Amino acid sequence: TICYSHTTTSRAILKDCGENSCYRKSRRHPPKMVLGRGCGCPPGDDYLEVKCCTSPDKCNY
């Protein structure tokens, strides 16, 4: 699966991930901002919302 990959300080690149999922991590509370994207599906918590997807490629836009 091809996923977008970046943190708050790096620009987005496309990464070919071994696992079949991508994630998009954002703040749950205002200001709602995307904090990162990448491979896999890490757990979220009270402050972070993590949306995971498995297809198509670049699904974590």
PDB file of N, CA and C in Angstrom:
ATOM      1  N   THR A   1       0.842  -1.191   0.000  1.00  0.00           N
ATOM      2  CA  THR A   1       0.000   0.000   0.000  1.00  0.00           C
ATOM      3  C   THR A   1       0.880   1.245   0.000  1.00  0.00           C
ATOM      4  N   ILE A   2       0.549   2.208  -0.834  1.00  0.00           N
ATOM      5  CA  ILE A   2       1.273   3.477  -0.859  1.00  0.00           C
ATOM      6  C   ILE A   2       0.569   4.432   0.102  1.00  0.00           C
ATOM      7  N   CYS A   3       1.310   4.982   1.052  1.00  0.00           N
ATOM      8  CA  CYS A   3       0.731   5.911   2.026  1.00  0.00           C
ATOM      9  C   CYS A   3       1.475   7.235   1.981  1.00  0.00           C
ATOM     10  N   TYR A   4       0.774   8.313   2.315  1.00  0.00           N
ATOM     11  CA  TYR A   4       1.460   9.564   2.585  1.00  0.00           C
ATOM     12  C   TYR A   4       2.151   9.426   3.928  1.00  0.00           C
ATOM     13  N   SER A   5       3.337   9.999   4.061  1.00  0.00           N
ATOM     14  CA  SER A   5       4.078   9.904   5.308  1.00  0.00           C
ATOM     15  C   SER A   5       4.694  11.258   5.642  1.00  0.00           C
ATOM     16  N   HIS A   6       4.363  11.799   6.814  1.00  0.00           N
ATOM     17  CA  HIS A   6       4.997  13.037   7.271  1.00  0.00           C
ATOM     18  C   HIS A   6       4.674  13.271   8.737  1.00  0.00           C
ATOM     19  N   THR A   7       5.432  14.189   9.349  1.00  0.00           N
ATOM     20  CA  THR A   7       5.138  14.661  10.701  1.00  0.00           C
ATOM     21  C   THR A   7       4.803  16.136  10.588  1.00  0.00           C
ATOM     22  N   THR A   8       4.648  16.814  11.710  1.00  0.00           N
ATOM     23  CA  THR A   8       4.314  18.235  11.658  1.00  0.00           C
ATOM     24  C   THR A   8       5.472  19.044  11.094  1.00  0.00           C
ATOM     25  N   THR A   9       6.693  18.517  11.159  1.00  0.00           N
ATOM     26  CA  THR A   9       7.848  19.298  10.727  1.00  0.00           C
ATOM     27  C   THR A   9       8.429  18.852   9.391  1.00  0.00           C
ATOM     28  N   SER A  10       7.924  17.756   8.833  1.00  0.00           N
ATOM     29  CA  SER A  10       8.465  17.296   7.553  1.00  0.00           C
ATOM     30  C   SER A  10       7.393  17.392   6.476  1.00  0.00           C
ATOM     31  N   ARG A  11       7.826  17.530   5.232  1.00  0.00           N
ATOM     32  CA  ARG A  11       6.835  17.580   4.165  1.00  0.00           C
ATOM     33  C   ARG A  11       6.427  16.178   3.777  1.00  0.00           C
ATOM     34  N   ALA A  12       5.247  16.070   3.209  1.00  0.00           N
ATOM     35  CA  ALA A  12       4.679  14.755   2.896  1.00  0.00           C
ATOM     36  C   ALA A  12       5.437  14.091   1.757  1.00  0.00           C
ATOM     37  N   ILE A  13       5.730  12.816   1.955  1.00  0.00           N
ATOM     38  CA  ILE A  13       6.312  12.010   0.897  1.00  0.00           C
ATOM     39  C   ILE A  13       5.413  10.797   0.711  1.00  0.00           C
ATOM     40  N   LEU A  14       5.569  10.117  -0.393  1.00  0.00           N
ATOM     41  CA  LEU A  14       4.831   8.874  -0.596  1.00  0.00           C
ATOM     42  C   LEU A  14       5.740   7.727  -0.194  1.00  0.00           C
ATOM     43  N   LYS A  15       5.220   6.817   0.598  1.00  0.00           N
ATOM     44  CA  LYS A  15       6.017   5.713   1.109  1.00  0.00           C
ATOM     45  C   LYS A  15       5.322   4.400   0.771  1.00  0.00           C
ATOM     46  N   ASP A  16       6.104   3.441   0.327  1.00  0.00           N
ATOM     47  CA  ASP A  16       5.554   2.122   0.029  1.00  0.00           C
ATOM     48  C   ASP A  16       5.603   1.311   1.313  1.00  0.00           C
ATOM     49  N   CYS A  17       4.447   1.057   1.904  1.00  0.00           N
ATOM     50  CA  CYS A  17       4.387   0.415   3.212  1.00  0.00           C
ATOM     51  C   CYS A  17       4.256  -1.094   3.075  1.00  0.00           C
ATOM     52  N   GLY A  18       4.950  -1.813   3.918  1.00  0.00           N
ATOM     53  CA  GLY A  18       4.851  -3.262   3.913  1.00  0.00           C
ATOM     54  C   GLY A  18       3.477  -3.710   4.385  1.00  0.00           C
ATOM     55  N   GLU A  19       2.986  -3.071   5.443  1.00  0.00           N
ATOM     56  CA  GLU A  19       1.666  -3.448   5.943  1.00  0.00           C
ATOM     57  C   GLU A  19       0.590  -2.837   5.055  1.00  0.00           C
ATOM     58  N   ASN A  20      -0.623  -3.299   5.221  1.00  0.00           N
ATOM     59  CA  ASN A  20      -1.678  -2.920   4.288  1.00  0.00           C
ATOM     60  C   ASN A  20      -2.559  -1.811   4.834  1.00  0.00           C
ATOM     61  N   SER A  21      -1.987  -0.897   5.622  1.00  0.00           N
ATOM     62  CA  SER A  21      -2.819   0.184   6.141  1.00  0.00           C
ATOM     63  C   SER A  21      -2.028   1.472   6.276  1.00  0.00           C
ATOM     64  N   CYS A  22      -2.756   2.571   6.189  1.00  0.00           N
ATOM     65  CA  CYS A  22      -2.195   3.903   6.374  1.00  0.00           C
ATOM     66  C   CYS A  22      -2.992   4.584   7.479  1.00  0.00           C
ATOM     67  N   TYR A  23      -2.388   5.591   8.106  1.00  0.00           N
ATOM     68  CA  TYR A  23      -3.132   6.341   9.118  1.00  0.00           C
ATOM     69  C   TYR A  23      -2.983   7.838   8.902  1.00  0.00           C
ATOM     70  N   ARG A  24      -3.943   8.568   9.443  1.00  0.00           N
ATOM     71  CA  ARG A  24      -3.873  10.020   9.529  1.00  0.00           C
ATOM     72  C   ARG A  24      -4.177  10.381  10.971  1.00  0.00           C
ATOM     73  N   LYS A  25      -3.271  11.102  11.601  1.00  0.00           N
ATOM     74  CA  LYS A  25      -3.387  11.426  13.021  1.00  0.00           C
ATOM     75  C   LYS A  25      -3.703  12.911  13.153  1.00  0.00           C
ATOM     76  N   SER A  26      -4.738  13.245  13.917  1.00  0.00           N
ATOM     77  CA  SER A  26      -5.091  14.650  14.095  1.00  0.00           C
ATOM     78  C   SER A  26      -5.526  14.908  15.529  1.00  0.00           C
ATOM     79  N   ARG A  27      -5.594  16.199  15.885  1.00  0.00           N
ATOM     80  CA  ARG A  27      -6.047  16.576  17.225  1.00  0.00           C
ATOM     81  C   ARG A  27      -7.549  16.394  17.327  1.00  0.00           C
ATOM     82  N   ARG A  28      -8.012  15.917  18.487  1.00  0.00           N
ATOM     83  CA  ARG A  28      -9.452  15.769  18.701  1.00  0.00           C
ATOM     84  C   ARG A  28     -10.123  17.100  18.987  1.00  0.00           C
ATOM     85  N   HIS A  29      -9.372  18.067  19.523  1.00  0.00           N
ATOM     86  CA  HIS A  29      -9.963  19.323  19.981  1.00  0.00           C
ATOM     87  C   HIS A  29      -9.406  20.483  19.168  1.00  0.00           C
ATOM     88  N   PRO A  30     -10.159  21.570  19.078  1.00  0.00           N
ATOM     89  CA  PRO A  30      -9.692  22.731  18.307  1.00  0.00           C
ATOM     90  C   PRO A  30      -8.370  23.257  18.870  1.00  0.00           C
ATOM     91  N   PRO A  31      -7.474  23.802  18.045  1.00  0.00           N
ATOM     92  CA  PRO A  31      -7.603  23.787  16.585  1.00  0.00           C
ATOM     93  C   PRO A  31      -7.351  22.391  16.047  1.00  0.00           C
ATOM     94  N   LYS A  32      -8.291  21.906  15.236  1.00  0.00           N
ATOM     95  CA  LYS A  32      -8.128  20.561  14.678  1.00  0.00           C
ATOM     96  C   LYS A  32      -7.098  20.630  13.573  1.00  0.00           C
ATOM     97  N   MET A  33      -5.979  19.994  13.788  1.00  0.00           N
ATOM     98  CA  MET A  33      -4.941  20.006  12.777  1.00  0.00           C
ATOM     99  C   MET A  33      -4.379  18.611  12.614  1.00  0.00           C
ATOM    100  N   VAL A  34      -3.953  18.317  11.403  1.00  0.00           N
ATOM    101  CA  VAL A  34      -3.354  17.012  11.136  1.00  0.00           C
ATOM    102  C   VAL A  34      -1.930  17.025  11.668  1.00  0.00           C
ATOM    103  N   LEU A  35      -1.599  16.043  12.492  1.00  0.00           N
ATOM    104  CA  LEU A  35      -0.281  15.997  13.123  1.00  0.00           C
ATOM    105  C   LEU A  35       0.672  15.042  12.424  1.00  0.00           C
ATOM    106  N   GLY A  36       0.140  14.187  11.593  1.00  0.00           N
ATOM    107  CA  GLY A  36       1.036  13.280  10.888  1.00  0.00           C
ATOM    108  C   GLY A  36       0.280  12.240  10.098  1.00  0.00           C
ATOM    109  N   ARG A  37       0.989  11.641   9.166  1.00  0.00           N
ATOM    110  CA  ARG A  37       0.455  10.538   8.381  1.00  0.00           C
ATOM    111  C   ARG A  37       1.555   9.502   8.255  1.00  0.00           C
ATOM    112  N   GLY A  38       1.165   8.264   8.007  1.00  0.00           N
ATOM    113  CA  GLY A  38       2.191   7.243   7.840  1.00  0.00           C
ATOM    114  C   GLY A  38       1.618   5.855   7.645  1.00  0.00           C
ATOM    115  N   CYS A  39       2.501   4.862   7.831  1.00  0.00           N
ATOM    116  CA  CYS A  39       2.147   3.459   7.634  1.00  0.00           C
ATOM    117  C   CYS A  39       1.580   2.858   8.907  1.00  0.00           C
ATOM    118  N   GLY A  40       0.726   1.864   8.739  1.00  0.00           N
ATOM    119  CA  GLY A  40       0.219   1.127   9.886  1.00  0.00           C
ATOM    120  C   GLY A  40      -1.022   1.762  10.474  1.00  0.00           C
ATOM    121  N   CYS A  41      -1.321   1.409  11.721  1.00  0.00           N
ATOM    122  CA  CYS A  41      -2.519   1.928  12.379  1.00  0.00           C
ATOM    123  C   CYS A  41      -2.270   2.029  13.884  1.00  0.00           C
ATOM    124  N   PRO A  42      -1.548   3.080  14.317  1.00  0.00           N
ATOM    125  CA  PRO A  42      -1.267   3.225  15.747  1.00  0.00           C
ATOM    126  C   PRO A  42      -2.537   3.575  16.512  1.00  0.00           C
ATOM    127  N   PRO A  43      -2.582   3.286  17.804  1.00  0.00           N
ATOM    128  CA  PRO A  43      -3.773   3.612  18.591  1.00  0.00           C
ATOM    129  C   PRO A  43      -3.899   5.111  18.827  1.00  0.00           C
ATOM    130  N   GLY A  44      -5.132   5.597  18.916  1.00  0.00           N
ATOM    131  CA  GLY A  44      -5.363   6.982  19.278  1.00  0.00           C
ATOM    132  C   GLY A  44      -5.510   7.090  20.787  1.00  0.00           C
ATOM    133  N   ASP A  45      -5.790   8.287  21.287  1.00  0.00           N
ATOM    134  CA  ASP A  45      -6.051   8.466  22.713  1.00  0.00           C
ATOM    135  C   ASP A  45      -7.011   9.639  22.900  1.00  0.00           C
ATOM    136  N   ASP A  46      -7.092  10.166  24.105  1.00  0.00           N
ATOM    137  CA  ASP A  46      -8.044  11.243  24.378  1.00  0.00           C
ATOM    138  C   ASP A  46      -7.751  12.507  23.574  1.00  0.00           C
ATOM    139  N   TYR A  47      -6.500  12.697  23.185  1.00  0.00           N
ATOM    140  CA  TYR A  47      -6.111  13.923  22.501  1.00  0.00           C
ATOM    141  C   TYR A  47      -5.920  13.724  21.006  1.00  0.00           C
ATOM    142  N   LEU A  48      -5.603  12.492  20.625  1.00  0.00           N
ATOM    143  CA  LEU A  48      -5.305  12.217  19.228  1.00  0.00           C
ATOM    144  C   LEU A  48      -6.360  11.333  18.605  1.00  0.00           C
ATOM    145  N   GLU A  49      -6.834  11.750  17.456  1.00  0.00           N
ATOM    146  CA  GLU A  49      -7.757  10.923  16.687  1.00  0.00           C
ATOM    147  C   GLU A  49      -6.943  10.299  15.560  1.00  0.00           C
ATOM    148  N   VAL A  50      -7.003   8.985  15.438  1.00  0.00           N
ATOM    149  CA  VAL A  50      -6.264   8.304  14.383  1.00  0.00           C
ATOM    150  C   VAL A  50      -7.263   7.632  13.457  1.00  0.00           C
ATOM    151  N   LYS A  51      -7.225   8.036  12.197  1.00  0.00           N
ATOM    152  CA  LYS A  51      -8.094   7.409  11.200  1.00  0.00           C
ATOM    153  C   LYS A  51      -7.232   6.498  10.352  1.00  0.00           C
ATOM    154  N   CYS A  52      -7.629   5.230  10.272  1.00  0.00           N
ATOM    155  CA  CYS A  52      -6.863   4.259   9.496  1.00  0.00           C
ATOM    156  C   CYS A  52      -7.658   3.838   8.269  1.00  0.00           C
ATOM    157  N   CYS A  53      -6.934   3.442   7.240  1.00  0.00           N
ATOM    158  CA  CYS A  53      -7.586   3.007   6.014  1.00  0.00           C
ATOM    159  C   CYS A  53      -6.694   1.978   5.345  1.00  0.00           C
ATOM    160  N   THR A  54      -7.273   1.154   4.497  1.00  0.00           N
ATOM    161  CA  THR A  54      -6.491   0.100   3.865  1.00  0.00           C
ATOM    162  C   THR A  54      -6.439   0.207   2.346  1.00  0.00           C
ATOM    163  N   SER A  55      -7.331   0.957   1.739  1.00  0.00           N
ATOM    164  CA  SER A  55      -7.282   1.084   0.290  1.00  0.00           C
ATOM    165  C   SER A  55      -8.085   2.314  -0.109  1.00  0.00           C
ATOM    166  N   PRO A  56      -7.932   2.874  -1.258  1.00  0.00           N
ATOM    167  CA  PRO A  56      -6.906   2.543  -2.235  1.00  0.00           C
ATOM    168  C   PRO A  56      -5.561   3.127  -1.805  1.00  0.00           C
ATOM    169  N   ASP A  57      -4.572   3.134  -2.689  1.00  0.00           N
ATOM    170  CA  ASP A  57      -3.307   3.780  -2.376  1.00  0.00           C
ATOM    171  C   ASP A  57      -3.552   5.253  -2.062  1.00  0.00           C
ATOM    172  N   LYS A  58      -2.732   5.807  -1.206  1.00  0.00           N
ATOM    173  CA  LYS A  58      -2.814   7.217  -0.804  1.00  0.00           C
ATOM    174  C   LYS A  58      -4.145   7.529  -0.134  1.00  0.00           C
ATOM    175  N   CYS A  59      -4.730   6.540   0.562  1.00  0.00           N
ATOM    176  CA  CYS A  59      -6.048   6.742   1.166  1.00  0.00           C
ATOM    177  C   CYS A  59      -5.989   7.648   2.393  1.00  0.00           C
ATOM    178  N   ASN A  60      -4.790   7.924   2.918  1.00  0.00           N
ATOM    179  CA  ASN A  60      -4.715   8.782   4.110  1.00  0.00           C
ATOM    180  C   ASN A  60      -4.419  10.223   3.726  1.00  0.00           C
ATOM    181  N   TYR A  61      -4.986  10.654   2.588  1.00  0.00           N
ATOM    182  CA  TYR A  61      -4.770  12.014   2.090  1.00  0.00           C
ATOM    183  C   TYR A  61      -5.207  13.039   3.121  1.00  0.00           C
TER     184      TYR A  61
END
